[in-house]
Protein backbone atom coordinates (compact mmCIF):
# COMPACT_ATOMS: atom_id res chain seq x y z
CA UNK A 1 0.00 0.00 0.00
CA UNK A 2 1.16 3.51 -0.66
CA UNK A 3 0.50 6.76 1.15
CA UNK A 4 -1.60 9.34 -0.66
CA UNK A 5 -2.35 13.04 -0.79
CA UNK A 6 -4.98 12.58 -3.50
CA UNK A 7 -8.65 13.38 -2.97
CA UNK A 8 -9.86 10.74 -5.44
CA UNK A 9 -9.00 7.13 -6.20
CA UNK A 10 -6.18 7.16 -8.78
CA UNK A 11 -7.48 3.87 -10.20
CA UNK A 12 -11.13 4.73 -10.89
CA UNK A 13 -11.39 8.47 -10.17
CA UNK A 14 -14.11 8.08 -7.51
CA UNK A 15 -13.85 10.94 -4.95
CA UNK A 16 -12.55 9.86 -1.54
CA UNK A 17 -15.44 11.63 0.17
CA UNK A 18 -18.03 9.98 -2.09
CA UNK A 19 -20.14 6.95 -1.40
CA UNK A 20 -20.29 4.06 -1.87
CA UNK A 21 -17.30 2.42 -0.31
CA UNK A 22 -17.43 -0.67 1.85
CA UNK A 23 -16.15 -0.47 5.44
CA UNK A 24 -14.24 -3.68 6.18
CA UNK A 25 -13.24 -2.84 9.76
CA UNK A 26 -13.02 0.10 12.14
CA UNK A 27 -10.65 0.57 15.06
CA UNK A 28 -10.64 3.20 17.79
CA UNK A 29 -7.26 4.86 18.32
CA UNK A 30 -5.93 7.41 20.81
CA UNK A 31 -6.54 10.18 18.28
CA UNK A 32 -9.78 9.03 16.61
CA UNK A 33 -10.72 6.18 14.34
CA UNK A 34 -8.98 4.07 11.69
CA UNK A 35 -11.17 2.55 8.96
CA UNK A 36 -10.16 -0.14 6.46
CA UNK A 37 -12.38 0.33 3.42
CA UNK A 38 -12.69 -0.97 -0.14
CA UNK A 39 -13.37 1.41 -3.04
CA UNK A 40 -15.87 0.38 -5.71
CA UNK A 41 -12.95 -0.53 -8.00
CA UNK A 42 -11.55 -2.93 -5.40
CA UNK A 43 -8.73 -0.73 -4.06
CA UNK A 44 -8.10 -1.33 -0.34
CA UNK A 45 -7.90 1.95 1.60
CA UNK A 46 -6.94 3.04 5.10
CA UNK A 47 -8.94 6.04 6.28
CA UNK A 48 -8.24 8.08 9.41
CA UNK A 49 -11.02 10.01 11.13
CA UNK A 50 -9.84 12.53 13.72
CA UNK A 51 -10.16 16.19 14.65
CA UNK A 52 -9.01 17.15 11.13
CA UNK A 53 -11.77 15.15 9.41
CA UNK A 54 -11.70 11.88 7.47
CA UNK A 55 -9.07 11.19 4.84
CA UNK A 56 -7.51 8.30 2.95
CA UNK A 57 -3.93 7.91 4.18
CA UNK A 58 -2.95 4.76 2.26
CA UNK A 59 -4.35 2.69 -0.61
CA UNK A 60 -3.52 -0.34 -2.73
CA UNK A 61 -4.20 -0.99 -6.36
CA UNK A 62 -7.44 -2.69 -7.32
CA UNK A 63 -7.64 -6.44 -6.97
CA UNK A 64 -6.93 -8.37 -10.20
CA UNK A 65 -9.97 -9.46 -12.16
CA UNK A 66 -13.34 -7.78 -12.62
CA UNK A 67 -14.29 -4.97 -10.27
CA UNK A 68 -16.60 -6.00 -7.43
CA UNK A 69 -20.24 -4.96 -7.65
CA UNK A 70 -20.95 -1.61 -6.06
CA UNK A 71 -23.05 -1.94 -2.91
CA UNK A 72 -25.74 0.39 -4.32
CA UNK A 73 -26.32 -1.86 -7.36
CA UNK A 74 -25.60 -5.34 -5.99
CA UNK A 75 -28.63 -7.59 -6.02
CA UNK A 76 -30.80 -5.32 -8.17
CA UNK A 77 -32.67 -6.84 -11.05
CA UNK A 78 -32.04 -5.17 -14.36
CA UNK A 79 -34.82 -5.28 -16.87
C-alpha atoms as a PDB file:
ATOM      1  CA  UNK A   1       0.000   0.000   0.000  1.00  0.00           C
ATOM      2  CA  UNK A   2       1.162   3.511  -0.657  1.00  0.00           C
ATOM      3  CA  UNK A   3       0.501   6.765   1.150  1.00  0.00           C
ATOM      4  CA  UNK A   4      -1.595   9.343  -0.658  1.00  0.00           C
ATOM      5  CA  UNK A   5      -2.349  13.037  -0.793  1.00  0.00           C
ATOM      6  CA  UNK A   6      -4.985  12.582  -3.498  1.00  0.00           C
ATOM      7  CA  UNK A   7      -8.654  13.377  -2.973  1.00  0.00           C
ATOM      8  CA  UNK A   8      -9.858  10.743  -5.442  1.00  0.00           C
ATOM      9  CA  UNK A   9      -8.997   7.135  -6.202  1.00  0.00           C
ATOM     10  CA  UNK A  10      -6.181   7.156  -8.777  1.00  0.00           C
ATOM     11  CA  UNK A  11      -7.483   3.871 -10.198  1.00  0.00           C
ATOM     12  CA  UNK A  12     -11.129   4.730 -10.892  1.00  0.00           C
ATOM     13  CA  UNK A  13     -11.393   8.471 -10.166  1.00  0.00           C
ATOM     14  CA  UNK A  14     -14.106   8.084  -7.506  1.00  0.00           C
ATOM     15  CA  UNK A  15     -13.853  10.943  -4.954  1.00  0.00           C
ATOM     16  CA  UNK A  16     -12.548   9.864  -1.537  1.00  0.00           C
ATOM     17  CA  UNK A  17     -15.444  11.634   0.169  1.00  0.00           C
ATOM     18  CA  UNK A  18     -18.028   9.980  -2.089  1.00  0.00           C
ATOM     19  CA  UNK A  19     -20.136   6.946  -1.398  1.00  0.00           C
ATOM     20  CA  UNK A  20     -20.285   4.056  -1.867  1.00  0.00           C
ATOM     21  CA  UNK A  21     -17.304   2.425  -0.308  1.00  0.00           C
ATOM     22  CA  UNK A  22     -17.433  -0.670   1.851  1.00  0.00           C
ATOM     23  CA  UNK A  23     -16.154  -0.474   5.443  1.00  0.00           C
ATOM     24  CA  UNK A  24     -14.240  -3.679   6.180  1.00  0.00           C
ATOM     25  CA  UNK A  25     -13.237  -2.836   9.757  1.00  0.00           C
ATOM     26  CA  UNK A  26     -13.025   0.099  12.144  1.00  0.00           C
ATOM     27  CA  UNK A  27     -10.646   0.566  15.057  1.00  0.00           C
ATOM     28  CA  UNK A  28     -10.643   3.203  17.788  1.00  0.00           C
ATOM     29  CA  UNK A  29      -7.258   4.856  18.324  1.00  0.00           C
ATOM     30  CA  UNK A  30      -5.933   7.409  20.810  1.00  0.00           C
ATOM     31  CA  UNK A  31      -6.542  10.184  18.276  1.00  0.00           C
ATOM     32  CA  UNK A  32      -9.780   9.035  16.610  1.00  0.00           C
ATOM     33  CA  UNK A  33     -10.720   6.179  14.339  1.00  0.00           C
ATOM     34  CA  UNK A  34      -8.976   4.067  11.686  1.00  0.00           C
ATOM     35  CA  UNK A  35     -11.167   2.547   8.959  1.00  0.00           C
ATOM     36  CA  UNK A  36     -10.160  -0.135   6.461  1.00  0.00           C
ATOM     37  CA  UNK A  37     -12.382   0.328   3.416  1.00  0.00           C
ATOM     38  CA  UNK A  38     -12.688  -0.966  -0.136  1.00  0.00           C
ATOM     39  CA  UNK A  39     -13.370   1.408  -3.038  1.00  0.00           C
ATOM     40  CA  UNK A  40     -15.871   0.381  -5.707  1.00  0.00           C
ATOM     41  CA  UNK A  41     -12.947  -0.532  -7.998  1.00  0.00           C
ATOM     42  CA  UNK A  42     -11.551  -2.925  -5.396  1.00  0.00           C
ATOM     43  CA  UNK A  43      -8.730  -0.733  -4.061  1.00  0.00           C
ATOM     44  CA  UNK A  44      -8.099  -1.332  -0.338  1.00  0.00           C
ATOM     45  CA  UNK A  45      -7.904   1.954   1.595  1.00  0.00           C
ATOM     46  CA  UNK A  46      -6.939   3.036   5.100  1.00  0.00           C
ATOM     47  CA  UNK A  47      -8.942   6.036   6.282  1.00  0.00           C
ATOM     48  CA  UNK A  48      -8.239   8.078   9.406  1.00  0.00           C
ATOM     49  CA  UNK A  49     -11.022  10.013  11.129  1.00  0.00           C
ATOM     50  CA  UNK A  50      -9.835  12.526  13.722  1.00  0.00           C
ATOM     51  CA  UNK A  51     -10.156  16.186  14.650  1.00  0.00           C
ATOM     52  CA  UNK A  52      -9.010  17.154  11.134  1.00  0.00           C
ATOM     53  CA  UNK A  53     -11.774  15.154   9.409  1.00  0.00           C
ATOM     54  CA  UNK A  54     -11.699  11.884   7.472  1.00  0.00           C
ATOM     55  CA  UNK A  55      -9.074  11.188   4.836  1.00  0.00           C
ATOM     56  CA  UNK A  56      -7.509   8.300   2.948  1.00  0.00           C
ATOM     57  CA  UNK A  57      -3.933   7.911   4.176  1.00  0.00           C
ATOM     58  CA  UNK A  58      -2.954   4.763   2.261  1.00  0.00           C
ATOM     59  CA  UNK A  59      -4.350   2.685  -0.606  1.00  0.00           C
ATOM     60  CA  UNK A  60      -3.523  -0.337  -2.730  1.00  0.00           C
ATOM     61  CA  UNK A  61      -4.201  -0.993  -6.361  1.00  0.00           C
ATOM     62  CA  UNK A  62      -7.442  -2.687  -7.325  1.00  0.00           C
ATOM     63  CA  UNK A  63      -7.642  -6.442  -6.968  1.00  0.00           C
ATOM     64  CA  UNK A  64      -6.933  -8.366 -10.195  1.00  0.00           C
ATOM     65  CA  UNK A  65      -9.965  -9.463 -12.159  1.00  0.00           C
ATOM     66  CA  UNK A  66     -13.340  -7.781 -12.624  1.00  0.00           C
ATOM     67  CA  UNK A  67     -14.291  -4.968 -10.273  1.00  0.00           C
ATOM     68  CA  UNK A  68     -16.599  -6.002  -7.432  1.00  0.00           C
ATOM     69  CA  UNK A  69     -20.244  -4.964  -7.648  1.00  0.00           C
ATOM     70  CA  UNK A  70     -20.954  -1.611  -6.063  1.00  0.00           C
ATOM     71  CA  UNK A  71     -23.051  -1.937  -2.907  1.00  0.00           C
ATOM     72  CA  UNK A  72     -25.737   0.389  -4.318  1.00  0.00           C
ATOM     73  CA  UNK A  73     -26.323  -1.857  -7.356  1.00  0.00           C
ATOM     74  CA  UNK A  74     -25.605  -5.339  -5.991  1.00  0.00           C
ATOM     75  CA  UNK A  75     -28.635  -7.588  -6.019  1.00  0.00           C
ATOM     76  CA  UNK A  76     -30.804  -5.321  -8.165  1.00  0.00           C
ATOM     77  CA  UNK A  77     -32.670  -6.839 -11.050  1.00  0.00           C
ATOM     78  CA  UNK A  78     -32.037  -5.165 -14.364  1.00  0.00           C
ATOM     79  CA  UNK A  79     -34.823  -5.280 -16.875  1.00  0.00           C
END
